[in-house]
Amino acid sequence: MNLDRLKEIRKDQKLSQENIARALDISLRSYQMKEKGSNSFTFDEVIKIANALNMGEIEFIREIL
C-alpha cells in the first residue's frame, strides 16, 4: 500500500487524520500509526477510507497500490 499516496489524496481533499479516524471509528493515534506504516489497515478500513474520500473502492485501491 502506498501510504504516501494515501496521505496525498487525504490532504488534497482537505481531510485531516482525525476526519479519517472518525470515519474508521478508531482513535487518532491508531490512524496515525497506520498511516505511518507501523500498523496495517484492514480491508474493511480501506473501503471505509475510500468512502470517506468520496472515491469508488476500486478507484481508491488502484490509486494506493
C-alpha atoms as a PDB file:
ATOM      1  CA  MET A   1       0.000   0.000   0.000  1.00  0.00           C
ATOM      2  CA  ASN A   2       1.392   3.387  -0.972  1.00  0.00           C
ATOM      3  CA  LEU A   3       0.891   5.323   2.245  1.00  0.00           C
ATOM      4  CA  ASP A   4       2.407   8.483   0.787  1.00  0.00           C
ATOM      5  CA  ARG A   5      -0.277   8.430  -1.909  1.00  0.00           C
ATOM      6  CA  LEU A   6      -2.978   7.894   0.726  1.00  0.00           C
ATOM      7  CA  LYS A   7      -1.703  10.915   2.648  1.00  0.00           C
ATOM      8  CA  GLU A   8      -1.558  12.971  -0.555  1.00  0.00           C
ATOM      9  CA  ILE A   9      -5.143  12.114  -1.507  1.00  0.00           C
ATOM     10  CA  ARG A  10      -6.354  12.859   2.025  1.00  0.00           C
ATOM     11  CA  LYS A  11      -4.639  16.249   2.036  1.00  0.00           C
ATOM     12  CA  ASP A  12      -5.853  17.076  -1.495  1.00  0.00           C
ATOM     13  CA  GLN A  13      -9.387  16.608  -0.204  1.00  0.00           C
ATOM     14  CA  LYS A  14      -8.598  18.790   2.810  1.00  0.00           C
ATOM     15  CA  LEU A  15      -9.315  15.998   5.270  1.00  0.00           C
ATOM     16  CA  SER A  16      -7.378  15.596   8.478  1.00  0.00           C
ATOM     17  CA  GLN A  17      -6.150  12.376  10.007  1.00  0.00           C
ATOM     18  CA  GLU A  18      -8.815  12.939  12.637  1.00  0.00           C
ATOM     19  CA  ASN A  19     -11.540  13.036   9.947  1.00  0.00           C
ATOM     20  CA  ILE A  20     -10.438   9.661   8.607  1.00  0.00           C
ATOM     21  CA  ALA A  21     -10.005   8.189  12.093  1.00  0.00           C
ATOM     22  CA  ARG A  22     -13.610   9.134  12.863  1.00  0.00           C
ATOM     23  CA  ALA A  23     -14.789   7.509   9.631  1.00  0.00           C
ATOM     24  CA  LEU A  24     -12.965   4.331  10.669  1.00  0.00           C
ATOM     25  CA  ASP A  25     -14.242   4.569  14.254  1.00  0.00           C
ATOM     26  CA  ILE A  26     -10.691   4.321  15.622  1.00  0.00           C
ATOM     27  CA  SER A  27      -8.571   6.665  17.695  1.00  0.00           C
ATOM     28  CA  LEU A  28      -6.495   9.355  16.058  1.00  0.00           C
ATOM     29  CA  ARG A  29      -3.338   7.679  17.389  1.00  0.00           C
ATOM     30  CA  SER A  30      -4.343   4.348  15.829  1.00  0.00           C
ATOM     31  CA  TYR A  31      -4.895   6.050  12.489  1.00  0.00           C
ATOM     32  CA  GLN A  32      -1.568   7.871  12.710  1.00  0.00           C
ATOM     33  CA  MET A  33       0.229   4.575  13.332  1.00  0.00           C
ATOM     34  CA  LYS A  34      -1.493   3.022  10.321  1.00  0.00           C
ATOM     35  CA  GLU A  35      -0.752   5.969   8.019  1.00  0.00           C
ATOM     36  CA  LYS A  36       2.915   5.806   9.088  1.00  0.00           C
ATOM     37  CA  GLY A  37       3.004   2.103   8.276  1.00  0.00           C
ATOM     38  CA  SER A  38       3.545   0.891  11.837  1.00  0.00           C
ATOM     39  CA  ASN A  39       0.223  -0.973  11.707  1.00  0.00           C
ATOM     40  CA  SER A  40      -1.731  -2.283   8.724  1.00  0.00           C
ATOM     41  CA  PHE A  41      -5.165  -1.277   7.508  1.00  0.00           C
ATOM     42  CA  THR A  42      -7.785  -4.000   7.269  1.00  0.00           C
ATOM     43  CA  PHE A  43      -9.674  -4.455   4.009  1.00  0.00           C
ATOM     44  CA  ASP A  44     -12.801  -3.046   5.657  1.00  0.00           C
ATOM     45  CA  GLU A  45     -10.842   0.033   6.726  1.00  0.00           C
ATOM     46  CA  VAL A  46      -9.592   0.554   3.174  1.00  0.00           C
ATOM     47  CA  ILE A  47     -13.198   0.510   1.944  1.00  0.00           C
ATOM     48  CA  LYS A  48     -14.248   2.982   4.655  1.00  0.00           C
ATOM     49  CA  ILE A  49     -11.359   5.282   3.727  1.00  0.00           C
ATOM     50  CA  ALA A  50     -12.447   5.203   0.078  1.00  0.00           C
ATOM     51  CA  ASN A  51     -15.949   6.185   1.138  1.00  0.00           C
ATOM     52  CA  ALA A  52     -14.654   8.973   3.399  1.00  0.00           C
ATOM     53  CA  LEU A  53     -12.645  10.296   0.450  1.00  0.00           C
ATOM     54  CA  ASN A  54     -15.710  10.090  -1.822  1.00  0.00           C
ATOM     55  CA  MET A  55     -13.889   7.694  -4.134  1.00  0.00           C
ATOM     56  CA  GLY A  56     -15.055   4.421  -5.566  1.00  0.00           C
ATOM     57  CA  GLU A  57     -13.477   1.463  -3.829  1.00  0.00           C
ATOM     58  CA  ILE A  58     -11.727   0.133  -6.931  1.00  0.00           C
ATOM     59  CA  GLU A  59     -10.535   3.586  -7.965  1.00  0.00           C
ATOM     60  CA  PHE A  60      -9.082   4.155  -4.488  1.00  0.00           C
ATOM     61  CA  ILE A  61      -7.392   0.752  -4.350  1.00  0.00           C
ATOM     62  CA  ARG A  62      -5.802   1.373  -7.761  1.00  0.00           C
ATOM     63  CA  GLU A  63      -4.518   4.736  -6.525  1.00  0.00           C
ATOM     64  CA  ILE A  64      -2.856   3.342  -3.412  1.00  0.00           C
ATOM     65  CA  LEU A  65      -1.399   0.099  -4.794  1.00  0.00           C
END
